[in-house]
Protein backbone atom coordinates (compact mmCIF):
# COMPACT_ATOMS: atom_id res chain seq x y z
CA MET A 1 57.46 -53.21 -28.52
CA ASP A 2 54.32 -52.01 -30.20
CA LEU A 3 51.55 -49.55 -29.42
CA LEU A 4 48.41 -51.35 -29.77
CA LEU A 5 45.51 -50.12 -32.26
CA THR A 6 42.47 -51.62 -30.42
CA THR A 7 38.64 -52.15 -31.36
CA ILE A 8 35.73 -50.98 -29.16
CA GLN A 9 32.90 -53.27 -29.22
CA PRO A 10 29.39 -51.15 -29.16
CA TYR A 11 27.22 -53.77 -27.55
CA ASP A 12 24.04 -52.24 -26.54
CA TRP A 13 24.61 -52.56 -22.67
CA GLY A 14 27.69 -50.41 -22.86
CA SER A 15 27.99 -47.00 -21.45
CA VAL A 16 28.03 -43.96 -23.70
CA THR A 17 30.48 -41.82 -21.73
CA ALA A 18 32.60 -44.09 -19.59
CA LEU A 19 35.32 -45.12 -22.04
CA PRO A 20 35.57 -41.60 -23.58
CA ARG A 21 35.76 -39.91 -20.04
CA LEU A 22 38.78 -42.20 -19.44
CA MET A 23 40.50 -41.81 -22.81
CA GLY A 24 39.80 -38.15 -23.10
CA THR A 25 38.08 -38.63 -26.61
CA PRO A 26 34.53 -37.18 -27.39
CA PRO A 27 31.55 -39.35 -27.06
CA THR A 28 30.04 -40.98 -30.11
CA GLY A 29 26.49 -41.00 -28.90
CA THR A 30 26.45 -44.57 -29.04
CA PRO A 31 27.38 -47.44 -26.51
CA GLN A 32 31.14 -48.22 -26.10
CA ALA A 33 31.12 -51.57 -24.02
CA GLU A 34 34.49 -53.23 -24.36
CA LEU A 35 37.68 -52.05 -25.53
CA TRP A 36 39.95 -55.32 -26.54
CA MET A 37 43.69 -55.80 -26.31
CA GLY A 38 45.16 -59.00 -27.52
CA ALA A 39 45.05 -61.40 -30.36
CA HIS A 40 41.62 -62.99 -30.24
CA PRO A 41 40.21 -63.65 -33.86
CA ALA A 42 37.09 -61.84 -33.43
CA ALA A 43 38.85 -58.59 -32.92
CA PRO A 44 42.65 -58.65 -32.79
CA SER A 45 44.57 -55.48 -31.89
CA ARG A 46 46.68 -54.22 -34.74
CA VAL A 47 50.39 -52.91 -34.67
CA ARG A 48 52.69 -51.20 -37.05
CA ARG A 49 55.32 -53.11 -38.35
CA GLY A 50 57.37 -50.92 -40.83
CA ARG A 51 54.94 -49.51 -43.45
CA ASP A 52 52.31 -52.12 -42.52
CA THR A 53 49.38 -52.22 -39.86
CA LEU A 54 49.20 -55.96 -39.16
CA PRO A 55 46.67 -57.75 -36.87
CA LEU A 56 48.40 -59.19 -33.67
CA ASP A 57 47.39 -62.65 -34.27
CA ARG A 58 49.22 -62.72 -37.67
CA VAL A 59 51.96 -61.14 -36.22
CA ILE A 60 52.30 -64.01 -33.66
CA ALA A 61 51.51 -66.52 -36.08
CA ALA A 62 54.56 -65.47 -38.40
CA ASP A 63 57.13 -66.09 -35.53
CA PRO A 64 55.38 -67.58 -32.26
CA ALA A 65 58.51 -68.74 -30.61
CA ALA A 66 59.90 -65.03 -30.43
CA GLU A 67 56.56 -63.48 -29.87
CA LEU A 68 55.33 -65.83 -27.16
CA GLY A 69 58.46 -67.35 -25.82
CA THR A 70 59.06 -71.01 -25.70
CA ALA A 71 57.32 -71.96 -22.22
CA THR A 72 54.36 -70.19 -23.55
CA LEU A 73 54.37 -71.62 -26.95
CA ARG A 74 54.93 -75.29 -25.36
CA ARG A 75 52.09 -74.78 -22.72
CA PHE A 76 49.42 -72.84 -25.12
CA GLY A 77 50.42 -73.41 -28.77
CA ALA A 78 50.93 -70.51 -31.12
CA ARG A 79 48.30 -68.06 -29.78
CA LEU A 80 48.28 -65.55 -27.02
CA PRO A 81 46.35 -67.13 -24.23
CA PHE A 82 44.63 -64.24 -22.83
CA LEU A 83 42.56 -61.24 -23.83
CA LEU A 84 42.72 -57.90 -21.95
CA LYS A 85 39.76 -55.57 -21.87
CA LEU A 86 38.52 -52.42 -20.59
CA LEU A 87 34.73 -52.93 -19.68
CA ALA A 88 32.16 -50.35 -19.53
CA ALA A 89 28.56 -51.43 -18.44
CA ASP A 90 25.63 -49.26 -18.18
CA ALA A 91 22.96 -51.86 -18.17
CA PRO A 92 22.98 -55.61 -17.20
CA LEU A 93 24.75 -58.20 -19.44
CA SER A 94 23.30 -61.41 -20.08
CA VAL A 95 23.22 -64.03 -17.19
CA GLN A 96 25.98 -66.56 -18.49
CA VAL A 97 28.45 -69.59 -17.78
CA HIS A 98 31.50 -70.77 -19.39
CA PRO A 99 32.65 -74.28 -19.88
CA ASP A 100 35.68 -75.82 -18.33
CA LEU A 101 38.51 -76.99 -20.61
CA ALA A 102 37.05 -80.58 -21.08
CA GLN A 103 33.57 -79.45 -21.73
CA ALA A 104 35.12 -76.73 -24.48
CA ARG A 105 36.94 -79.54 -26.22
CA THR A 106 34.11 -81.96 -26.20
CA GLY A 107 31.39 -79.52 -27.16
CA PHE A 108 33.79 -77.88 -29.91
CA ALA A 109 34.45 -81.21 -31.63
CA LEU A 110 30.84 -82.27 -31.34
CA GLU A 111 29.53 -79.20 -33.01
CA ASP A 112 32.35 -79.40 -35.70
CA ALA A 113 31.36 -83.03 -36.39
CA LEU A 114 27.72 -82.09 -36.84
CA GLY A 115 28.81 -79.36 -39.27
CA VAL A 116 27.63 -76.30 -37.35
CA PRO A 117 29.22 -73.20 -38.78
CA LEU A 118 31.48 -71.25 -36.35
CA ASP A 119 29.50 -68.27 -36.87
CA ALA A 120 25.78 -69.61 -36.50
CA PRO A 121 23.88 -67.76 -33.85
CA HIS A 122 22.80 -71.06 -32.29
CA ARG A 123 26.43 -72.58 -31.98
CA ASN A 124 27.45 -72.92 -28.18
CA TYR A 125 31.27 -73.66 -28.58
CA ARG A 126 33.25 -71.52 -31.02
CA ASP A 127 36.75 -72.69 -29.85
CA PRO A 128 38.06 -75.55 -27.79
CA HIS A 129 39.19 -73.24 -24.90
CA HIS A 130 37.85 -72.49 -21.43
CA LYS A 131 37.18 -68.96 -20.37
CA PRO A 132 38.09 -68.26 -16.68
CA GLU A 133 37.93 -64.39 -16.06
CA MET A 134 38.74 -61.72 -13.67
CA ILE A 135 37.22 -58.14 -13.33
CA VAL A 136 38.94 -55.46 -11.54
CA ALA A 137 36.94 -52.41 -10.69
CA LEU A 138 38.08 -48.72 -11.64
CA THR A 139 34.86 -47.35 -10.55
CA PRO A 140 32.15 -48.89 -8.03
CA PHE A 141 31.04 -52.11 -9.86
CA ARG A 142 28.20 -54.12 -9.44
CA GLY A 143 27.33 -57.56 -10.65
CA LEU A 144 25.67 -60.88 -9.82
CA CYS A 145 27.99 -63.65 -9.17
CA GLY A 146 27.51 -67.46 -8.16
CA PHE A 147 24.56 -69.12 -6.21
CA ARG A 148 23.23 -67.91 -2.73
CA SER A 149 22.81 -70.57 -0.33
CA PRO A 150 19.30 -72.50 -0.94
CA ARG A 151 18.31 -71.12 2.43
CA GLN A 152 19.11 -67.45 1.26
CA CYS A 153 17.45 -68.16 -2.11
CA ALA A 154 14.46 -69.25 -0.01
CA ASP A 155 14.15 -66.40 2.24
CA LEU A 156 14.74 -63.92 -0.64
CA LEU A 157 11.70 -65.59 -2.44
CA ASP A 158 9.62 -65.39 0.60
CA ALA A 159 10.27 -61.62 1.07
CA LEU A 160 8.79 -60.85 -2.45
CA ARG A 161 5.38 -62.35 -1.05
CA VAL A 162 4.46 -63.77 -4.26
CA PRO A 163 2.19 -66.96 -3.23
CA ALA A 164 3.38 -68.81 -6.45
CA LEU A 165 7.02 -68.81 -5.27
CA ARG A 166 6.20 -70.70 -2.22
CA PRO A 167 6.60 -74.15 -3.62
CA TYR A 168 10.10 -73.13 -4.88
CA ALA A 169 10.94 -71.82 -1.39
CA ALA A 170 9.97 -75.05 -0.05
CA THR A 171 12.01 -77.26 -2.49
CA LEU A 172 15.14 -74.96 -1.62
CA ARG A 173 14.55 -75.65 1.78
CA ALA A 174 13.77 -79.43 1.75
CA LEU A 175 16.63 -80.94 -0.66
CA PRO A 176 20.31 -81.16 -0.40
CA GLU A 177 22.12 -77.93 -1.79
CA ALA A 178 23.04 -79.22 -5.25
CA GLN A 179 19.76 -80.72 -6.05
CA ALA A 180 17.68 -77.88 -4.50
CA LEU A 181 19.63 -75.36 -6.52
CA MET A 182 19.50 -77.47 -10.03
CA GLU A 183 15.80 -78.16 -9.68
CA VAL A 184 14.81 -74.69 -8.76
CA PHE A 185 17.11 -73.35 -11.35
CA THR A 186 15.84 -75.57 -14.21
CA ALA A 187 12.39 -74.67 -13.32
CA PHE A 188 13.10 -70.88 -13.52
CA LEU A 189 14.56 -71.63 -16.93
CA ARG A 190 10.95 -72.36 -18.31
CA PRO A 191 8.52 -70.68 -15.65
CA PRO A 192 5.05 -70.99 -16.06
CA ALA A 193 2.87 -68.58 -17.55
CA GLY A 194 2.22 -65.42 -15.53
CA LEU A 195 5.02 -65.93 -12.82
CA VAL A 196 7.52 -63.65 -14.48
CA ASP A 197 4.94 -60.85 -14.51
CA ALA A 198 4.16 -61.51 -10.93
CA VAL A 199 7.64 -61.54 -9.67
CA THR A 200 8.29 -58.28 -11.75
CA GLN A 201 5.80 -56.47 -9.85
CA ALA A 202 6.89 -57.74 -6.55
CA VAL A 203 10.34 -56.89 -7.14
CA GLU A 204 9.39 -53.46 -8.52
CA GLU A 205 7.38 -53.05 -5.32
CA ALA A 206 10.17 -54.09 -2.92
CA ALA A 207 12.72 -51.98 -4.72
CA VAL A 208 10.40 -49.08 -4.03
CA GLU A 209 10.23 -50.04 -0.41
CA ALA A 210 13.66 -50.41 -0.12
CA ALA A 211 14.45 -47.00 -1.48
CA ALA A 212 12.01 -45.76 1.32
CA ALA A 213 14.31 -47.36 3.73
CA ARG A 214 12.34 -50.32 4.66
CA PRO A 215 14.57 -52.45 7.00
CA GLY A 216 15.83 -55.91 5.45
CA PRO A 217 18.89 -58.02 4.15
CA TYR A 218 17.66 -57.62 0.62
CA ARG A 219 17.61 -53.92 0.16
CA GLY A 220 20.17 -53.49 -2.16
CA ASP A 221 19.48 -56.78 -3.98
CA PHE A 222 15.91 -55.64 -4.98
CA SER A 223 17.31 -52.42 -6.24
CA ALA A 224 19.59 -54.44 -8.65
CA TYR A 225 16.85 -56.45 -9.76
CA ALA A 226 14.60 -53.60 -10.35
CA GLU A 227 17.41 -52.46 -12.67
CA VAL A 228 17.76 -55.91 -14.27
CA ILE A 229 13.73 -55.45 -15.06
CA ARG A 230 14.16 -51.93 -16.31
CA ALA A 231 16.73 -53.16 -19.05
CA HIS A 232 15.12 -56.54 -19.82
CA PRO A 233 11.22 -56.26 -19.30
CA GLY A 234 9.41 -59.41 -19.37
CA ASP A 235 12.76 -61.65 -19.81
CA PRO A 236 12.29 -64.96 -17.74
CA GLY A 237 15.96 -64.67 -17.04
CA LEU A 238 14.93 -62.41 -13.89
CA LEU A 239 14.14 -65.80 -12.09
CA PRO A 240 17.57 -67.42 -12.44
CA ALA A 241 19.25 -63.99 -11.68
CA LEU A 242 17.04 -64.02 -8.30
CA MET A 243 19.38 -67.16 -7.21
CA LEU A 244 22.71 -65.13 -7.83
CA ARG A 245 24.42 -63.24 -5.05
CA HIS A 246 24.38 -59.39 -5.56
CA VAL A 247 28.02 -58.21 -5.34
CA GLU A 248 29.33 -54.55 -5.14
CA LEU A 249 33.21 -53.94 -5.54
CA GLU A 250 34.97 -50.79 -4.69
CA PRO A 251 37.74 -49.49 -6.93
CA GLY A 252 40.85 -51.79 -6.83
CA GLU A 253 38.71 -54.90 -5.76
CA ALA A 254 38.27 -57.94 -7.96
CA LEU A 255 36.36 -60.96 -8.72
CA PHE A 256 37.64 -64.26 -10.13
CA LEU A 257 34.93 -66.27 -12.05
CA GLY A 258 35.97 -69.92 -12.89
CA ALA A 259 33.93 -72.41 -15.14
CA GLY A 260 30.38 -73.11 -14.49
CA ILE A 261 29.70 -70.07 -12.23
CA PRO A 262 26.62 -68.16 -13.33
CA HIS A 263 27.01 -64.43 -13.40
CA ALA A 264 26.01 -61.17 -14.97
CA TYR A 265 27.68 -57.80 -14.63
CA LEU A 266 25.32 -54.88 -14.05
CA SER A 267 27.22 -51.62 -13.97
CA GLY A 268 30.59 -50.19 -13.63
CA LEU A 269 33.90 -49.74 -15.43
CA GLY A 270 36.62 -52.22 -14.83
CA VAL A 271 39.87 -53.84 -16.40
CA GLU A 272 38.78 -57.43 -17.41
CA ILE A 273 41.15 -60.30 -18.11
CA MET A 274 40.45 -63.62 -19.42
CA ALA A 275 41.56 -66.86 -21.27
CA SER A 276 41.26 -65.86 -25.02
CA SER A 277 37.89 -67.70 -25.83
CA ASP A 278 34.31 -66.89 -27.04
CA ASN A 279 32.70 -69.91 -25.36
CA VAL A 280 29.48 -68.26 -23.50
CA LEU A 281 26.32 -70.37 -22.49
CA ARG A 282 23.53 -67.79 -21.69
CA CYS A 283 20.75 -68.43 -19.52
CA GLY A 284 18.67 -65.22 -19.63
CA LEU A 285 18.79 -61.65 -19.97
CA THR A 286 19.65 -61.77 -23.72
CA SER A 287 17.99 -61.96 -27.07
CA LYS A 288 20.87 -64.27 -28.01
CA HIS A 289 20.61 -68.19 -28.13
CA VAL A 290 19.70 -70.14 -24.99
CA ASP A 291 20.51 -73.76 -24.85
CA ALA A 292 18.93 -74.94 -21.70
CA GLY A 293 20.13 -78.69 -21.98
CA GLU A 294 23.70 -77.73 -22.78
CA LEU A 295 23.68 -75.06 -19.97
CA MET A 296 22.52 -77.67 -17.50
CA LYS A 297 26.01 -79.56 -18.33
CA VAL A 298 27.85 -76.70 -17.51
CA VAL A 299 26.41 -74.93 -14.42
CA ARG A 300 27.92 -75.93 -11.14
CA PHE A 301 25.27 -76.19 -8.89
CA THR A 302 27.16 -75.18 -5.56
CA ALA A 303 26.76 -72.03 -3.19
CA MET A 304 30.12 -70.60 -2.48
CA PRO A 305 30.61 -67.13 -0.66
CA THR A 306 31.66 -64.62 -3.17
CA ARG A 307 35.42 -63.97 -2.52
CA VAL A 308 36.23 -60.23 -3.24
CA LEU A 309 39.97 -60.23 -3.96
CA SER A 310 42.62 -57.28 -3.33
CA PRO A 311 46.04 -56.99 -4.79
CA ARG A 312 49.02 -58.34 -2.93
CA SER A 313 52.85 -57.61 -3.49
CA SER A 314 54.34 -59.79 -5.91
CA GLN A 315 56.10 -63.00 -4.39
CA SER A 316 58.63 -62.96 -7.22
CA SER A 317 60.30 -59.69 -6.42
CA ARG A 318 60.98 -57.19 -3.59
CA ALA A 319 58.28 -55.39 -2.16
CA GLU A 320 59.86 -51.92 -3.17
CA HIS A 321 59.40 -52.89 -6.95
CA GLY A 322 55.60 -52.11 -6.23
CA GLU A 323 53.98 -54.98 -8.22
CA GLU A 324 50.41 -55.64 -6.89
CA VAL A 325 49.18 -58.92 -8.25
CA TYR A 326 45.44 -60.19 -8.43
CA PRO A 327 45.90 -64.02 -7.49
CA ALA A 328 43.77 -66.29 -9.96
CA PRO A 329 43.95 -70.18 -9.93
CA VAL A 330 44.66 -70.47 -13.72
CA ASP A 331 47.93 -70.03 -15.58
CA ASP A 332 46.43 -68.51 -18.92
CA PHE A 333 46.93 -65.07 -17.47
CA ARG A 334 48.62 -63.24 -14.71
CA LEU A 335 47.13 -59.68 -14.08
CA SER A 336 49.03 -57.03 -11.70
CA ARG A 337 49.17 -53.42 -11.49
CA PHE A 338 51.77 -50.80 -10.83
CA PRO A 339 50.99 -47.57 -8.97
CA LEU A 340 53.62 -45.30 -10.41
CA ARG A 341 55.18 -42.03 -8.96
CA PRO A 342 57.62 -39.87 -10.76
CA ASP A 343 60.12 -39.86 -8.00
CA GLU A 344 60.71 -43.84 -7.90
CA PRO A 345 62.93 -45.94 -9.93
CA PRO A 346 61.77 -47.85 -12.98
CA ARG A 347 59.72 -51.00 -12.83
CA ARG A 348 61.91 -53.41 -14.72
CA LEU A 349 60.19 -56.09 -16.47
CA ALA A 350 62.33 -59.28 -17.48
CA ALA A 351 61.95 -61.12 -20.92
CA GLY A 352 60.45 -64.40 -21.24
CA ALA A 353 56.60 -64.12 -21.66
CA PRO A 354 54.47 -61.88 -23.97
CA GLN A 355 52.92 -58.86 -22.09
CA ILE A 356 50.46 -56.08 -22.43
CA LEU A 357 50.75 -52.90 -20.45
CA LEU A 358 47.82 -50.69 -20.03
CA CYS A 359 47.57 -47.24 -18.64
CA VAL A 360 44.17 -46.44 -16.65
CA ASP A 361 45.06 -43.10 -15.28
CA GLY A 362 47.96 -40.52 -15.74
CA GLU A 363 50.85 -41.18 -18.03
CA ALA A 364 53.54 -43.84 -18.33
CA ALA A 365 56.65 -44.41 -20.55
CA VAL A 366 57.66 -47.80 -21.46
CA THR A 367 61.28 -48.22 -22.55
CA SER A 368 62.91 -51.12 -24.17
CA ALA A 369 66.46 -50.93 -25.62
CA ALA A 370 66.62 -47.47 -27.34
CA GLU A 371 62.77 -47.24 -27.93
CA THR A 372 60.37 -45.40 -25.66
CA LEU A 373 56.65 -45.60 -25.89
CA ARG A 374 54.21 -43.11 -23.98
CA ILE A 375 50.90 -44.00 -22.95
CA GLY A 376 47.82 -42.22 -21.40
CA PRO A 377 44.75 -43.75 -20.11
CA GLY A 378 43.17 -46.26 -22.30
CA ARG A 379 46.29 -46.67 -24.13
CA SER A 380 48.43 -50.04 -24.34
CA VAL A 381 51.67 -51.72 -25.33
CA TYR A 382 52.46 -55.24 -26.33
CA VAL A 383 55.90 -56.38 -25.23
CA PRO A 384 56.75 -59.68 -26.98
CA ALA A 385 58.75 -62.17 -25.08
CA THR A 386 62.03 -61.38 -26.59
CA ALA A 387 62.08 -57.82 -24.82
CA GLU A 388 63.02 -56.60 -21.64
CA ALA A 389 61.16 -53.38 -20.62
CA ALA A 390 61.23 -50.78 -17.88
CA ILE A 391 57.97 -48.60 -16.79
CA THR A 392 58.10 -45.07 -15.47
CA GLY A 393 55.81 -42.27 -14.89
CA ALA A 394 52.91 -40.99 -12.64
CA GLY A 395 49.54 -42.90 -12.56
CA THR A 396 48.46 -46.63 -12.82
CA VAL A 397 49.72 -49.20 -15.08
CA PHE A 398 48.13 -52.87 -15.27
CA ARG A 399 50.25 -55.82 -16.58
CA ALA A 400 48.94 -58.58 -18.32
CA THR A 401 51.00 -61.88 -19.07
CA VAL A 402 51.00 -65.38 -18.67
CA ASP A 403 51.50 -67.21 -15.16
CA VAL A 404 53.17 -70.43 -16.71
CA CYS A 405 56.39 -68.40 -17.13
CA ALA A 406 55.40 -64.92 -15.61
CA ALA A 407 58.17 -62.65 -16.48
CA PRO A 408 59.29 -61.79 -12.94
CA ILE A 409 60.24 -58.21 -12.05
CA ALA A 410 64.20 -58.28 -12.76
CA ALA A 411 66.59 -57.13 -10.22
CA ARG A 412 67.76 -53.48 -10.40
């Protein structure tokens, strides 16, 4: 086992205080947006092996069968297929979507054939992998996720009382769902002159009225969109964002985001897990590259109710072991948590798959063979596939592993 030495990404939307508060460290005065745990080549965690400190991706590459296990190696190749993060948002992220596996492979191969450098700002596909993801709230967490129904979109546009929005509301009501969403979304990507300013003023006025307790179904939504405006004044991404559902999570609740679902996190602290990929197509609220043509190939124009997930007792163990699993329809990752109490027996994790154990509150001890590693909030341990481990303590530990051979809780 190894204590992970991790990297914090200082993206400008990050919170100055959330991660320091969790980890008990002094704030730096600059945003701390994401703490990465894994082997992604952009910022791999480091481990100490003997006298050396090595990137985890290099450690895995040196002996993939031992680090990953044969089932993970056979399914995903010689790489850790998931990336675990602590995400601390204090301002809205860009509205974005991720490709499915076939789209990622095709797009990556095409850009490679065209000679587009991997680090080029206009490159869309930086690897041939998909990027499904899940966010679990540690504090109240807000985001935009998935399309509203066309009728709900039309009702919200009407509620803004902007005459220039009436034709879009009419289109949303007149056409079949997929066509209606696609036509209005496409038009909003390149809005006519003056429309963003008019909608901005209307959203701000609606937010003020909502704060004054004006009744209506979109009170919370208008406050969220006003927050978007303050973070990204004049950005045309506001218009596509109006088509997305406003979602609020309580601590412990989660969202799963599959391929093609437009989304943007707004605020809050959470544990995020994803397939280890860097493929992002943006459609607004960003200064980064926006490729509208490629984006339209990836977005799925379907309105689906936003499903807020709660953890459930593991089906691979007896309930008294206490593992709570967040269900996800992918095998790149499996995320669960252990509420730990000092009077309970150890939670025993069988060997067979790579694992990362992250403490988010309290303190935990992770034991394997004759070795014990202690972790507090924001600290994590990497457990290779060859090691069995046990967790004790008082607090909460999240467990990230691989579903294709997810290591079950061993019998006591």
